[in-house]
Amino acid sequence: IISALPVWQESAMDLRRRWQALLVYDCHDWLAGFPNTAPAVHAAVPDSIRRSDLVLFCGSGLRDYYGALLPEMASRFHFVGNGIPEWPEAPGPRPADPVVGYVGALEEWFWLEAVAEAARRLPQARFVLAGSPCRLVREVLGRMPNVTLKGEIPPSQVPEFLSGCRAGMIPRSGELARFMAPIKVLEYFHFGLPVVSGPMPELNRFGPLVLQASTPAEFANAVRTALEENDTSREEARRAEARAATWRRRAEQLNQILIESRQRSGLPLS
């Protein structure tokens, strides 16, 4: 049984008893960082972790935070990173056109100031954002001549969209970014794209493959650097990271964790 929110914990516990199943808590987000999440839900996360047989983390920030808070649970913690679909290989090298792409949410936590600053400083570049924009994003970026708010696109169109970009961006900052493990970095990597982001500890392991910025001015400069990059070895290093992180590989990893955990618990494997 996999539970991803404390509000489901009682139902998950009931199914666990009925089915003699392992109960896994999927700690996938820093819930306090979302304004539409009640504080009581975030406050209940430690109890959900304590009552679970296994706890999954897709990011090291959350794992380290709850590991320090609940050291007695550390033996039940497992890291299973995010992944991407098994998309076909990119059709060719990155395009020469200075297109900076983004796929994802355009909500209150989007680093609007950084993107606006980059668009102002780089008028020759095009910033194309795929996602449903909140009011503030629409009001600020919607009137900039080199910014296109494309709206939401279906997952099947994401590969074609990203194949037309020269760089990708992850405009996040603040406390939520401290705990994020963005899937889109792997999606961008599949096409060899340099990635420009706000400061995210989870992205540190990629070194120079990701350009992190702490201020809007730094973000704009990083976008310029990403558009000018012409290093085929770095492009291939990014593609290699994406190939090693498909959802199939993540599923195989999780399956092995579950098999070993059931064996230790004495529960039947089927």
Protein backbone atom coordinates (compact mmCIF):
# COMPACT_ATOMS: atom_id res chain seq x y z
CA ILE A 1 0.00 0.00 0.00
CA ILE A 2 1.51 3.35 -1.05
CA SER A 3 0.19 6.46 0.68
CA ALA A 4 1.31 9.87 -0.52
CA LEU A 5 -0.55 12.19 1.88
CA PRO A 6 -1.30 12.03 5.62
CA VAL A 7 -5.03 12.44 4.93
CA TRP A 8 -5.03 8.92 3.45
CA GLN A 9 -3.14 7.32 6.33
CA GLU A 10 -6.12 5.80 8.16
CA SER A 11 -7.46 4.19 4.98
CA ALA A 12 -3.98 2.90 4.18
CA MET A 13 -3.65 1.42 7.67
CA ASP A 14 -6.99 -0.34 7.26
CA LEU A 15 -5.93 -1.87 3.93
CA ARG A 16 -2.64 -2.90 5.46
CA ARG A 17 -4.45 -4.89 8.13
CA ARG A 18 -6.88 -6.47 5.66
CA TRP A 19 -4.28 -7.48 3.10
CA GLN A 20 -1.21 -8.05 5.30
CA ALA A 21 0.59 -5.60 3.07
CA LEU A 22 3.61 -3.42 3.50
CA LEU A 23 2.66 0.21 4.04
CA VAL A 24 4.87 2.65 2.13
CA TYR A 25 4.74 6.41 2.69
CA ASP A 26 5.76 8.34 -0.44
CA CYS A 27 7.32 11.56 0.89
CA HIS A 28 7.47 13.33 -2.46
CA ASP A 29 7.01 17.01 -1.59
CA TRP A 30 7.62 19.62 1.09
CA LEU A 31 3.93 20.15 1.81
CA ALA A 32 4.45 23.35 3.80
CA GLY A 33 5.66 25.03 0.61
CA PHE A 34 2.26 24.84 -1.08
CA PRO A 35 -0.20 27.59 -0.07
CA ASN A 36 -3.24 25.37 -0.75
CA THR A 37 -2.11 22.72 1.76
CA ALA A 38 -3.53 23.05 5.27
CA PRO A 39 -0.83 23.37 7.97
CA ALA A 40 -2.36 20.41 9.80
CA VAL A 41 -1.63 18.17 6.81
CA HIS A 42 2.05 19.09 6.80
CA ALA A 43 2.20 18.70 10.59
CA ALA A 44 0.89 15.13 10.27
CA VAL A 45 3.71 13.94 8.01
CA PRO A 46 6.02 12.74 10.85
CA ASP A 47 3.23 10.56 12.27
CA SER A 48 2.56 9.07 8.83
CA ILE A 49 6.26 8.26 8.53
CA ARG A 50 6.35 6.61 11.96
CA ARG A 51 3.38 4.39 11.11
CA SER A 52 4.81 3.16 7.81
CA ASP A 53 6.98 0.13 7.07
CA LEU A 54 8.95 1.96 4.40
CA VAL A 55 9.40 5.60 3.42
CA LEU A 56 10.33 6.67 -0.12
CA PHE A 57 12.08 9.93 -0.99
CA CYS A 58 12.74 11.26 -4.48
CA GLY A 59 14.95 14.06 -3.14
CA SER A 60 17.85 14.11 -0.69
CA GLY A 61 16.67 17.36 0.93
CA LEU A 62 13.49 15.81 2.29
CA ARG A 63 15.30 12.61 3.25
CA ASP A 64 17.92 14.53 5.23
CA TYR A 65 15.30 16.74 6.91
CA TYR A 66 13.15 13.87 8.14
CA GLY A 67 16.22 11.78 8.89
CA ALA A 68 17.33 14.43 11.38
CA LEU A 69 13.80 14.78 12.78
CA LEU A 70 13.16 11.03 13.06
CA PRO A 71 16.56 9.31 13.35
CA GLU A 72 14.92 6.14 14.66
CA MET A 73 13.21 5.70 11.28
CA ALA A 74 16.35 6.02 9.14
CA SER A 75 16.61 2.27 8.52
CA ARG A 76 13.23 2.39 6.76
CA PHE A 77 14.17 5.27 4.44
CA HIS A 78 14.85 4.58 0.76
CA PHE A 79 15.85 6.93 -2.02
CA VAL A 80 14.18 6.39 -5.40
CA GLY A 81 14.81 9.32 -7.71
CA ASN A 82 12.45 10.80 -10.24
CA GLY A 83 12.51 9.60 -13.83
CA ILE A 84 11.34 10.24 -17.37
CA PRO A 85 9.55 8.20 -20.04
CA GLU A 86 11.57 6.15 -22.49
CA TRP A 87 11.43 8.80 -25.18
CA PRO A 88 13.11 8.24 -28.56
CA GLU A 89 16.61 9.66 -28.87
CA ALA A 90 16.79 13.34 -29.76
CA PRO A 91 16.69 13.76 -33.57
CA GLY A 92 19.86 15.85 -33.68
CA PRO A 93 21.96 18.50 -31.94
CA ARG A 94 20.43 21.42 -30.12
CA PRO A 95 18.89 24.00 -32.47
CA ALA A 96 20.76 27.24 -33.06
CA ASP A 97 17.72 29.46 -32.44
CA PRO A 98 17.93 31.11 -28.98
CA VAL A 99 14.76 29.52 -27.56
CA VAL A 100 14.57 29.02 -23.78
CA GLY A 101 11.88 26.53 -22.81
CA TYR A 102 9.95 25.71 -19.66
CA VAL A 103 7.42 22.96 -18.99
CA GLY A 104 5.53 22.88 -15.70
CA ALA A 105 3.43 24.77 -13.23
CA LEU A 106 3.19 28.55 -13.48
CA GLU A 107 1.85 29.16 -10.01
CA GLU A 108 2.74 31.52 -7.16
CA TRP A 109 6.04 29.77 -6.48
CA PHE A 110 7.30 30.40 -10.05
CA TRP A 111 10.32 32.76 -9.93
CA LEU A 112 8.67 35.41 -12.02
CA GLU A 113 11.23 38.15 -11.38
CA ALA A 114 14.10 36.03 -12.70
CA VAL A 115 12.37 35.16 -15.97
CA ALA A 116 11.24 38.76 -16.52
CA GLU A 117 14.79 40.01 -15.92
CA ALA A 118 16.22 37.47 -18.36
CA ALA A 119 13.65 38.41 -21.00
CA ARG A 120 14.49 42.12 -20.58
CA ARG A 121 18.25 41.61 -20.80
CA LEU A 122 18.11 39.15 -23.70
CA PRO A 123 15.65 40.66 -26.20
CA GLN A 124 17.05 38.47 -28.99
CA ALA A 125 16.05 35.30 -27.10
CA ARG A 126 12.57 33.75 -27.05
CA PHE A 127 11.15 32.42 -23.80
CA VAL A 128 8.44 29.85 -24.38
CA LEU A 129 6.54 28.63 -21.29
CA ALA A 130 4.26 25.60 -21.45
CA GLY A 131 1.83 25.50 -18.55
CA SER A 132 -1.34 27.15 -17.30
CA PRO A 133 -0.28 30.57 -15.97
CA CYS A 134 -1.63 32.07 -12.76
CA ARG A 135 -2.90 35.65 -12.90
CA LEU A 136 0.39 37.30 -11.88
CA VAL A 137 2.46 35.37 -14.42
CA ARG A 138 -0.04 36.24 -17.14
CA GLU A 139 -0.06 39.94 -16.21
CA VAL A 140 3.74 40.36 -16.02
CA LEU A 141 5.07 38.02 -18.70
CA GLY A 142 2.10 38.09 -21.03
CA ARG A 143 2.93 41.60 -22.22
CA MET A 144 6.65 41.00 -22.84
CA PRO A 145 7.30 40.76 -26.61
CA ASN A 146 9.79 37.87 -26.42
CA VAL A 147 7.79 35.73 -23.98
CA THR A 148 5.21 33.22 -25.22
CA LEU A 149 2.72 31.70 -22.78
CA LYS A 150 1.92 28.53 -24.65
CA GLY A 151 -0.62 27.14 -22.18
CA GLU A 152 -0.77 23.53 -21.06
CA ILE A 153 0.38 20.88 -23.51
CA PRO A 154 -0.30 17.12 -23.29
CA PRO A 155 2.62 14.90 -22.25
CA SER A 156 2.80 13.44 -25.75
CA GLN A 157 3.83 16.88 -27.09
CA VAL A 158 6.60 17.54 -24.57
CA PRO A 159 9.39 15.83 -26.60
CA GLU A 160 8.59 17.83 -29.73
CA PHE A 161 8.42 21.05 -27.71
CA LEU A 162 11.77 20.50 -25.98
CA SER A 163 13.50 19.41 -29.17
CA GLY A 164 12.95 22.97 -30.44
CA CYS A 165 14.69 24.59 -27.44
CA ARG A 166 18.33 25.51 -26.98
CA ALA A 167 18.14 25.77 -23.16
CA GLY A 168 15.71 24.83 -20.41
CA MET A 169 14.93 26.64 -17.19
CA ILE A 170 13.61 25.81 -13.73
CA PRO A 171 12.69 29.18 -12.18
CA ARG A 172 12.27 28.28 -8.51
CA SER A 173 13.57 29.96 -5.37
CA GLY A 174 12.79 30.13 -1.67
CA GLU A 175 12.16 27.41 0.89
CA LEU A 176 10.24 25.12 -1.48
CA ALA A 177 13.24 24.96 -3.82
CA ARG A 178 15.37 23.69 -0.93
CA PHE A 179 13.40 20.43 -0.95
CA MET A 180 12.58 20.06 -4.64
CA ALA A 181 13.78 17.26 -6.91
CA PRO A 182 12.50 18.53 -10.27
CA ILE A 183 11.62 15.97 -12.91
CA LYS A 184 12.04 18.55 -15.65
CA VAL A 185 15.83 18.62 -15.26
CA LEU A 186 15.89 15.06 -16.62
CA GLU A 187 13.44 15.94 -19.37
CA TYR A 188 15.73 18.79 -20.46
CA PHE A 189 18.78 16.53 -20.19
CA HIS A 190 17.23 14.05 -22.62
CA PHE A 191 17.74 16.67 -25.31
CA GLY A 192 21.16 17.73 -24.04
CA LEU A 193 19.85 21.12 -22.95
CA PRO A 194 21.81 23.31 -20.53
CA VAL A 195 19.57 23.99 -17.54
CA VAL A 196 19.26 27.29 -15.68
CA SER A 197 17.66 27.14 -12.25
CA GLY A 198 17.29 28.89 -8.96
CA PRO A 199 19.36 27.52 -6.07
CA MET A 200 18.39 23.87 -5.51
CA PRO A 201 20.60 21.58 -3.42
CA GLU A 202 19.21 18.56 -5.29
CA LEU A 203 20.82 19.82 -8.51
CA ASN A 204 24.30 20.26 -7.03
CA ARG A 205 25.27 16.72 -8.04
CA PHE A 206 25.04 17.67 -11.71
CA GLY A 207 27.84 20.23 -11.37
CA PRO A 208 28.34 22.39 -14.49
CA LEU A 209 25.54 20.63 -16.36
CA VAL A 210 23.13 22.94 -14.46
CA LEU A 211 23.66 26.68 -13.98
CA GLN A 212 22.21 27.80 -10.64
CA ALA A 213 21.48 31.45 -9.91
CA SER A 214 20.62 33.24 -6.67
CA THR A 215 19.36 36.57 -8.05
CA PRO A 216 17.38 37.64 -11.12
CA ALA A 217 20.53 39.25 -12.58
CA GLU A 218 22.50 36.03 -12.10
CA PHE A 219 19.65 34.10 -13.68
CA ALA A 220 19.72 36.32 -16.76
CA ASN A 221 23.49 35.92 -17.10
CA ALA A 222 23.16 32.15 -16.70
CA VAL A 223 20.58 32.03 -19.49
CA ARG A 224 22.98 33.92 -21.74
CA THR A 225 25.73 31.41 -20.90
CA ALA A 226 23.41 28.47 -21.56
CA LEU A 227 22.38 29.80 -24.97
CA GLU A 228 26.02 30.36 -25.94
CA GLU A 229 27.23 26.95 -24.76
CA ASN A 230 28.60 24.82 -27.58
CA ASP A 231 30.08 21.80 -25.80
CA THR A 232 29.09 18.44 -27.25
CA SER A 233 30.67 16.55 -24.34
CA ARG A 234 28.37 18.27 -21.89
CA GLU A 235 25.38 17.60 -24.11
CA GLU A 236 26.22 13.90 -24.14
CA ALA A 237 26.77 13.88 -20.37
CA ARG A 238 23.27 15.25 -19.92
CA ARG A 239 21.78 12.66 -22.24
CA ALA A 240 23.58 9.92 -20.33
CA GLU A 241 22.03 11.13 -17.07
CA ALA A 242 18.58 10.96 -18.69
CA ARG A 243 19.13 7.48 -20.11
CA ALA A 244 20.03 6.21 -16.63
CA ALA A 245 16.84 7.65 -15.09
CA THR A 246 13.88 6.19 -16.98
CA TRP A 247 10.73 5.28 -15.09
CA ARG A 248 11.36 1.65 -16.01
CA ARG A 249 14.66 1.73 -14.14
CA ARG A 250 13.05 3.44 -11.16
CA ALA A 251 10.29 0.79 -11.13
CA GLU A 252 12.86 -1.99 -11.13
CA GLN A 253 14.66 -0.35 -8.23
CA LEU A 254 11.45 0.05 -6.24
CA ASN A 255 10.37 -3.50 -6.97
CA GLN A 256 13.64 -4.83 -5.54
CA ILE A 257 13.23 -2.72 -2.40
CA LEU A 258 9.71 -4.10 -1.89
CA ILE A 259 10.79 -7.71 -2.42
CA GLU A 260 13.63 -7.43 0.08
CA SER A 261 11.42 -5.65 2.62
CA ARG A 262 8.69 -8.29 2.40
CA GLN A 263 11.28 -11.03 2.86
CA ARG A 264 12.62 -9.36 5.98
CA SER A 265 9.11 -8.91 7.35
CA GLY A 266 8.16 -12.54 6.79
CA LEU A 267 5.21 -11.59 4.57
CA PRO A 268 4.51 -13.69 1.47
CA LEU A 269 5.77 -12.29 -1.83
CA SER A 270 2.37 -12.63 -3.53
